[in-house]
């Protein structure tokens, strides 16, 4: 069987400015338990390829977003809160964490196509970045979503949403993967965010969740 191991850009962790955009050869410096788990998975996959000849292709996907993305992720959570504010089940205050970090976003639908192509055209034992090559600050993503909102709202920092350690910037280089597979992201980021907001609008209409407020 062909095996695709879905890694993460979080494996790269803290990177130097001169290493941006990040290539597959960039050192792995994970700074969270999640990132450490992904590095472990990544290296074990390579070991099984080398030791047992398993046909494993490793991918390191940078941030991806889109409809049906869980609300624990920043862009999806912003859209979820906006939909709730529009529906009147959340006070007109949007709770946020760190807005200064910069991330490389790809639509989840493009990412799934990339996973398929990795298996179809990737080299066993190799590793590929899946990314757009363009960075947005989390604040920029919020501003785009705010432009789609039907109601105005204020923004409040929620201490519970701040990570004990956060990576300032993750922007990838997809050159290797594009050359190997011909893949390119097709869905504009603005459409990704608009579709995400529309998805949460439809979900909130079905929900009976009571009004909530941000933590101090």
C-alpha atoms as a PDB file:
ATOM      1  CA  UNK A   1       0.000   0.000   0.000  1.00  0.00           C
ATOM      2  CA  UNK A   2       0.894   3.662  -0.403  1.00  0.00           C
ATOM      3  CA  UNK A   3       0.978   5.558   2.893  1.00  0.00           C
ATOM      4  CA  UNK A   4       0.736   9.331   3.211  1.00  0.00           C
ATOM      5  CA  UNK A   5       1.903  10.814   6.501  1.00  0.00           C
ATOM      6  CA  UNK A   6       0.319  14.216   7.126  1.00  0.00           C
ATOM      7  CA  UNK A   7       2.861  16.291   8.989  1.00  0.00           C
ATOM      8  CA  UNK A   8       2.725  19.979   9.842  1.00  0.00           C
ATOM      9  CA  UNK A   9       4.600  23.237   9.359  1.00  0.00           C
ATOM     10  CA  UNK A  10       4.688  23.362  13.159  1.00  0.00           C
ATOM     11  CA  UNK A  11       7.552  20.860  12.910  1.00  0.00           C
ATOM     12  CA  UNK A  12       9.801  23.709  11.748  1.00  0.00           C
ATOM     13  CA  UNK A  13       8.951  25.749  14.833  1.00  0.00           C
ATOM     14  CA  UNK A  14      11.246  28.701  15.415  1.00  0.00           C
ATOM     15  CA  UNK A  15      12.979  29.574  12.143  1.00  0.00           C
ATOM     16  CA  UNK A  16      15.517  32.275  11.317  1.00  0.00           C
ATOM     17  CA  UNK A  17      14.545  35.151   9.030  1.00  0.00           C
ATOM     18  CA  UNK A  18      17.048  33.930   6.461  1.00  0.00           C
ATOM     19  CA  UNK A  19      15.222  30.573   6.333  1.00  0.00           C
ATOM     20  CA  UNK A  20      11.965  32.181   5.129  1.00  0.00           C
ATOM     21  CA  UNK A  21      10.391  30.854   2.931  1.00  0.00           C
ATOM     22  CA  UNK A  22      10.891  27.480   4.584  1.00  0.00           C
ATOM     23  CA  UNK A  23      12.225  24.602   2.515  1.00  0.00           C
ATOM     24  CA  UNK A  24      12.007  20.910   3.367  1.00  0.00           C
ATOM     25  CA  UNK A  25      15.701  21.009   4.308  1.00  0.00           C
ATOM     26  CA  UNK A  26      15.146  23.619   7.047  1.00  0.00           C
ATOM     27  CA  UNK A  27      15.959  22.351  10.547  1.00  0.00           C
ATOM     28  CA  UNK A  28      13.072  21.099  12.673  1.00  0.00           C
ATOM     29  CA  UNK A  29      12.704  23.089  15.920  1.00  0.00           C
ATOM     30  CA  UNK A  30       9.298  22.209  17.430  1.00  0.00           C
ATOM     31  CA  UNK A  31       8.105  24.348  20.351  1.00  0.00           C
ATOM     32  CA  UNK A  32       4.819  22.664  21.296  1.00  0.00           C
ATOM     33  CA  UNK A  33       3.782  19.127  22.284  1.00  0.00           C
ATOM     34  CA  UNK A  34       1.754  18.908  19.062  1.00  0.00           C
ATOM     35  CA  UNK A  35       4.774  19.876  16.977  1.00  0.00           C
ATOM     36  CA  UNK A  36       6.985  17.366  18.789  1.00  0.00           C
ATOM     37  CA  UNK A  37       4.425  14.631  18.094  1.00  0.00           C
ATOM     38  CA  UNK A  38       4.428  15.524  14.397  1.00  0.00           C
ATOM     39  CA  UNK A  39       8.233  15.456  14.203  1.00  0.00           C
ATOM     40  CA  UNK A  40       8.179  12.023  15.848  1.00  0.00           C
ATOM     41  CA  UNK A  41       5.596  10.768  13.370  1.00  0.00           C
ATOM     42  CA  UNK A  42       7.592  12.232  10.482  1.00  0.00           C
ATOM     43  CA  UNK A  43      10.882  10.611  11.511  1.00  0.00           C
ATOM     44  CA  UNK A  44       9.279   7.266  12.344  1.00  0.00           C
ATOM     45  CA  UNK A  45       7.724   7.245   8.876  1.00  0.00           C
ATOM     46  CA  UNK A  46      11.146   7.794   7.334  1.00  0.00           C
ATOM     47  CA  UNK A  47      12.628   5.051   9.500  1.00  0.00           C
ATOM     48  CA  UNK A  48       9.945   2.565   8.382  1.00  0.00           C
ATOM     49  CA  UNK A  49      10.634   3.488   4.772  1.00  0.00           C
ATOM     50  CA  UNK A  50      14.379   2.928   5.211  1.00  0.00           C
ATOM     51  CA  UNK A  51      14.144  -0.187   7.393  1.00  0.00           C
ATOM     52  CA  UNK A  52      11.159  -2.009   5.932  1.00  0.00           C
ATOM     53  CA  UNK A  53      10.706  -0.507   2.478  1.00  0.00           C
ATOM     54  CA  UNK A  54       7.196   0.788   3.148  1.00  0.00           C
ATOM     55  CA  UNK A  55       5.990   3.141   0.408  1.00  0.00           C
ATOM     56  CA  UNK A  56       5.585   6.219   2.588  1.00  0.00           C
ATOM     57  CA  UNK A  57       5.287   9.804   1.341  1.00  0.00           C
ATOM     58  CA  UNK A  58       5.573  12.500   3.996  1.00  0.00           C
ATOM     59  CA  UNK A  59       3.932  15.911   3.701  1.00  0.00           C
ATOM     60  CA  UNK A  60       4.261  18.993   5.873  1.00  0.00           C
ATOM     61  CA  UNK A  61       1.137  21.060   5.350  1.00  0.00           C
ATOM     62  CA  UNK A  62       1.171  24.667   6.418  1.00  0.00           C
ATOM     63  CA  UNK A  63      -2.006  26.230   7.797  1.00  0.00           C
ATOM     64  CA  UNK A  64      -5.150  25.274   5.935  1.00  0.00           C
ATOM     65  CA  UNK A  65      -8.643  26.611   6.394  1.00  0.00           C
ATOM     66  CA  UNK A  66     -12.098  26.386   4.889  1.00  0.00           C
ATOM     67  CA  UNK A  67     -15.688  25.225   5.395  1.00  0.00           C
ATOM     68  CA  UNK A  68     -16.149  22.520   8.060  1.00  0.00           C
ATOM     69  CA  UNK A  69     -12.811  23.374   9.676  1.00  0.00           C
ATOM     70  CA  UNK A  70     -13.121  22.903  13.456  1.00  0.00           C
ATOM     71  CA  UNK A  71     -13.789  26.044  15.477  1.00  0.00           C
ATOM     72  CA  UNK A  72     -10.644  25.564  17.605  1.00  0.00           C
ATOM     73  CA  UNK A  73      -8.568  27.015  14.742  1.00  0.00           C
ATOM     74  CA  UNK A  74      -8.217  30.803  14.566  1.00  0.00           C
ATOM     75  CA  UNK A  75      -9.791  31.673  11.199  1.00  0.00           C
ATOM     76  CA  UNK A  76     -12.632  29.219  11.684  1.00  0.00           C
ATOM     77  CA  UNK A  77     -13.194  30.440  15.232  1.00  0.00           C
ATOM     78  CA  UNK A  78     -13.353  34.065  14.103  1.00  0.00           C
ATOM     79  CA  UNK A  79     -15.944  33.117  11.474  1.00  0.00           C
ATOM     80  CA  UNK A  80     -17.889  31.114  14.067  1.00  0.00           C
ATOM     81  CA  UNK A  81     -17.966  34.056  16.475  1.00  0.00           C
ATOM     82  CA  UNK A  82     -19.020  36.482  13.739  1.00  0.00           C
ATOM     83  CA  UNK A  83     -21.866  34.160  12.749  1.00  0.00           C
ATOM     84  CA  UNK A  84     -22.981  34.024  16.391  1.00  0.00           C
ATOM     85  CA  UNK A  85     -22.783  37.805  16.735  1.00  0.00           C
ATOM     86  CA  UNK A  86     -24.887  38.199  13.580  1.00  0.00           C
ATOM     87  CA  UNK A  87     -27.434  35.755  15.011  1.00  0.00           C
ATOM     88  CA  UNK A  88     -27.599  37.612  18.324  1.00  0.00           C
ATOM     89  CA  UNK A  89     -26.346  34.713  20.462  1.00  0.00           C
ATOM     90  CA  UNK A  90     -23.007  36.355  21.302  1.00  0.00           C
ATOM     91  CA  UNK A  91     -22.431  39.887  22.502  1.00  0.00           C
ATOM     92  CA  UNK A  92     -20.885  42.080  19.765  1.00  0.00           C
ATOM     93  CA  UNK A  93     -17.375  41.390  21.031  1.00  0.00           C
ATOM     94  CA  UNK A  94     -15.035  38.995  19.259  1.00  0.00           C
ATOM     95  CA  UNK A  95     -12.523  37.183  21.477  1.00  0.00           C
ATOM     96  CA  UNK A  96      -8.999  36.774  20.120  1.00  0.00           C
ATOM     97  CA  UNK A  97      -5.565  35.520  21.064  1.00  0.00           C
ATOM     98  CA  UNK A  98      -2.270  36.607  19.512  1.00  0.00           C
ATOM     99  CA  UNK A  99      -2.987  38.506  16.284  1.00  0.00           C
ATOM    100  CA  UNK A 100       0.607  39.256  15.329  1.00  0.00           C
ATOM    101  CA  UNK A 101       1.715  35.802  14.159  1.00  0.00           C
ATOM    102  CA  UNK A 102       2.082  35.265  10.408  1.00  0.00           C
ATOM    103  CA  UNK A 103       0.924  32.066   8.744  1.00  0.00           C
ATOM    104  CA  UNK A 104       0.843  30.575   5.245  1.00  0.00           C
ATOM    105  CA  UNK A 105      -2.776  29.611   4.452  1.00  0.00           C
ATOM    106  CA  UNK A 106      -4.091  27.196   1.824  1.00  0.00           C
ATOM    107  CA  UNK A 107      -7.735  26.286   1.296  1.00  0.00           C
ATOM    108  CA  UNK A 108      -8.427  22.885   2.826  1.00  0.00           C
ATOM    109  CA  UNK A 109      -9.949  21.736  -0.484  1.00  0.00           C
ATOM    110  CA  UNK A 110      -6.666  22.481  -2.260  1.00  0.00           C
ATOM    111  CA  UNK A 111      -4.779  20.746   0.542  1.00  0.00           C
ATOM    112  CA  UNK A 112      -6.795  17.544   0.130  1.00  0.00           C
ATOM    113  CA  UNK A 113      -5.990  17.558  -3.600  1.00  0.00           C
ATOM    114  CA  UNK A 114      -2.331  17.954  -2.668  1.00  0.00           C
ATOM    115  CA  UNK A 115      -2.482  14.913  -0.368  1.00  0.00           C
ATOM    116  CA  UNK A 116      -3.929  12.847  -3.220  1.00  0.00           C
ATOM    117  CA  UNK A 117      -1.283  14.045  -5.649  1.00  0.00           C
ATOM    118  CA  UNK A 118       1.443  13.302  -3.099  1.00  0.00           C
ATOM    119  CA  UNK A 119       0.413   9.640  -3.225  1.00  0.00           C
ATOM    120  CA  UNK A 120      -0.082   9.634  -6.987  1.00  0.00           C
ATOM    121  CA  UNK A 121       3.115  11.411  -8.014  1.00  0.00           C
ATOM    122  CA  UNK A 122       5.331  11.738  -4.941  1.00  0.00           C
ATOM    123  CA  UNK A 123       8.523   9.750  -4.357  1.00  0.00           C
ATOM    124  CA  UNK A 124       8.402   7.174  -1.568  1.00  0.00           C
ATOM    125  CA  UNK A 125      10.623   8.211   1.328  1.00  0.00           C
ATOM    126  CA  UNK A 126      10.569  11.877   0.362  1.00  0.00           C
ATOM    127  CA  UNK A 127       8.971  14.833   2.154  1.00  0.00           C
ATOM    128  CA  UNK A 128       7.068  17.773   0.647  1.00  0.00           C
ATOM    129  CA  UNK A 129       5.823  21.145   1.864  1.00  0.00           C
ATOM    130  CA  UNK A 130       2.196  21.883   1.023  1.00  0.00           C
ATOM    131  CA  UNK A 131       1.646  25.621   1.169  1.00  0.00           C
ATOM    132  CA  UNK A 132       0.768  28.745  -0.793  1.00  0.00           C
ATOM    133  CA  UNK A 133       4.037  30.581  -0.267  1.00  0.00           C
ATOM    134  CA  UNK A 134       2.213  33.691   0.963  1.00  0.00           C
ATOM    135  CA  UNK A 135       1.897  34.874   4.555  1.00  0.00           C
ATOM    136  CA  UNK A 136      -0.967  36.633   6.333  1.00  0.00           C
ATOM    137  CA  UNK A 137      -0.938  37.905   9.879  1.00  0.00           C
ATOM    138  CA  UNK A 138      -3.796  36.590  12.003  1.00  0.00           C
ATOM    139  CA  UNK A 139      -4.913  40.214  12.315  1.00  0.00           C
ATOM    140  CA  UNK A 140      -5.199  40.432   8.514  1.00  0.00           C
ATOM    141  CA  UNK A 141      -7.414  37.338   8.423  1.00  0.00           C
ATOM    142  CA  UNK A 142      -9.670  38.914  11.029  1.00  0.00           C
ATOM    143  CA  UNK A 143      -9.895  42.163   9.047  1.00  0.00           C
ATOM    144  CA  UNK A 144     -10.925  40.261   5.905  1.00  0.00           C
ATOM    145  CA  UNK A 145     -13.636  38.410   7.818  1.00  0.00           C
ATOM    146  CA  UNK A 146     -14.790  41.631   9.480  1.00  0.00           C
ATOM    147  CA  UNK A 147     -15.338  43.063   6.010  1.00  0.00           C
ATOM    148  CA  UNK A 148     -17.839  40.265   5.328  1.00  0.00           C
ATOM    149  CA  UNK A 149     -19.706  40.720   8.621  1.00  0.00           C
ATOM    150  CA  UNK A 150     -23.275  41.997   8.621  1.00  0.00           C
ATOM    151  CA  UNK A 151     -22.861  43.473  12.116  1.00  0.00           C
ATOM    152  CA  UNK A 152     -20.159  45.593  13.709  1.00  0.00           C
ATOM    153  CA  UNK A 153     -18.262  44.284  16.722  1.00  0.00           C
ATOM    154  CA  UNK A 154     -15.396  45.132  19.034  1.00  0.00           C
ATOM    155  CA  UNK A 155     -12.315  42.973  19.599  1.00  0.00           C
ATOM    156  CA  UNK A 156     -11.114  41.770  23.008  1.00  0.00           C
ATOM    157  CA  UNK A 157      -7.974  39.807  23.834  1.00  0.00           C
ATOM    158  CA  UNK A 158      -8.758  36.619  25.755  1.00  0.00           C
ATOM    159  CA  UNK A 159      -5.823  35.431  27.885  1.00  0.00           C
ATOM    160  CA  UNK A 160      -7.093  31.858  27.651  1.00  0.00           C
ATOM    161  CA  UNK A 161      -6.430  31.938  23.900  1.00  0.00           C
ATOM    162  CA  UNK A 162      -2.739  32.795  24.229  1.00  0.00           C
ATOM    163  CA  UNK A 163      -0.242  29.942  23.824  1.00  0.00           C
ATOM    164  CA  UNK A 164       2.636  29.480  26.304  1.00  0.00           C
ATOM    165  CA  UNK A 165       4.981  29.595  23.292  1.00  0.00           C
ATOM    166  CA  UNK A 166       4.061  30.770  19.818  1.00  0.00           C
ATOM    167  CA  UNK A 167       5.927  30.697  16.524  1.00  0.00           C
ATOM    168  CA  UNK A 168       6.093  34.247  15.072  1.00  0.00           C
ATOM    169  CA  UNK A 169       6.172  33.328  11.378  1.00  0.00           C
ATOM    170  CA  UNK A 170       5.714  30.269   9.153  1.00  0.00           C
ATOM    171  CA  UNK A 171       5.795  30.795   5.382  1.00  0.00           C
ATOM    172  CA  UNK A 172       6.637  27.839   3.181  1.00  0.00           C
ATOM    173  CA  UNK A 173       8.332  27.156  -0.129  1.00  0.00           C
ATOM    174  CA  UNK A 174       6.265  24.759  -2.276  1.00  0.00           C
ATOM    175  CA  UNK A 175       8.710  24.636  -5.206  1.00  0.00           C
ATOM    176  CA  UNK A 176       9.687  21.014  -4.674  1.00  0.00           C
ATOM    177  CA  UNK A 177       6.091  19.769  -4.491  1.00  0.00           C
ATOM    178  CA  UNK A 178       4.934  21.850  -7.468  1.00  0.00           C
ATOM    179  CA  UNK A 179       7.763  20.491  -9.631  1.00  0.00           C
ATOM    180  CA  UNK A 180       7.045  16.919  -8.559  1.00  0.00           C
ATOM    181  CA  UNK A 181       3.260  16.931  -8.941  1.00  0.00           C
ATOM    182  CA  UNK A 182       2.141  20.015 -10.896  1.00  0.00           C
ATOM    183  CA  UNK A 183      -0.080  21.043  -7.974  1.00  0.00           C
ATOM    184  CA  UNK A 184      -0.885  24.679  -7.328  1.00  0.00           C
ATOM    185  CA  UNK A 185      -3.408  26.218  -4.918  1.00  0.00           C
ATOM    186  CA  UNK A 186      -6.452  27.403  -6.863  1.00  0.00           C
ATOM    187  CA  UNK A 187      -8.884  28.887  -4.328  1.00  0.00           C
ATOM    188  CA  UNK A 188      -8.182  32.527  -3.305  1.00  0.00           C
ATOM    189  CA  UNK A 189      -7.783  33.071   0.426  1.00  0.00           C
ATOM    190  CA  UNK A 190     -10.611  35.632   0.473  1.00  0.00           C
ATOM    191  CA  UNK A 191     -12.984  32.983  -0.904  1.00  0.00           C
ATOM    192  CA  UNK A 192     -11.751  30.517   1.708  1.00  0.00           C
ATOM    193  CA  UNK A 193     -12.681  32.929   4.481  1.00  0.00           C
ATOM    194  CA  UNK A 194     -16.036  33.888   2.911  1.00  0.00           C
ATOM    195  CA  UNK A 195     -16.983  30.218   2.463  1.00  0.00           C
ATOM    196  CA  UNK A 196     -15.943  29.511   6.053  1.00  0.00           C
ATOM    197  CA  UNK A 197     -18.139  32.322   7.355  1.00  0.00           C
ATOM    198  CA  UNK A 198     -21.096  31.142   5.259  1.00  0.00           C
ATOM    199  CA  UNK A 199     -20.613  27.619   6.609  1.00  0.00           C
ATOM    200  CA  UNK A 200     -20.739  28.832  10.213  1.00  0.00           C
ATOM    201  CA  UNK A 201     -23.767  30.986   9.462  1.00  0.00           C
ATOM    202  CA  UNK A 202     -25.599  27.849   8.344  1.00  0.00           C
ATOM    203  CA  UNK A 203     -24.455  25.935  11.429  1.00  0.00           C
ATOM    204  CA  UNK A 204     -25.395  28.659  13.902  1.00  0.00           C
ATOM    205  CA  UNK A 205     -28.921  28.741  12.469  1.00  0.00           C
ATOM    206  CA  UNK A 206     -29.282  25.089  13.479  1.00  0.00           C
ATOM    207  CA  UNK A 207     -27.802  25.624  16.943  1.00  0.00           C
ATOM    208  CA  UNK A 208     -29.550  26.367  20.246  1.00  0.00           C
ATOM    209  CA  UNK A 209     -26.353  27.433  22.069  1.00  0.00           C
ATOM    210  CA  UNK A 210     -26.899  30.257  24.545  1.00  0.00           C
ATOM    211  CA  UNK A 211     -25.156  33.630  24.474  1.00  0.00           C
ATOM    212  CA  UNK A 212     -21.533  33.785  25.655  1.00  0.00           C
ATOM    213  CA  UNK A 213     -18.961  36.433  26.501  1.00  0.00           C
ATOM    214  CA  UNK A 214     -15.147  36.585  26.366  1.00  0.00           C
ATOM    215  CA  UNK A 215     -12.986  35.818  29.368  1.00  0.00           C
ATOM    216  CA  UNK A 216     -11.208  38.796  30.886  1.00  0.00           C
END
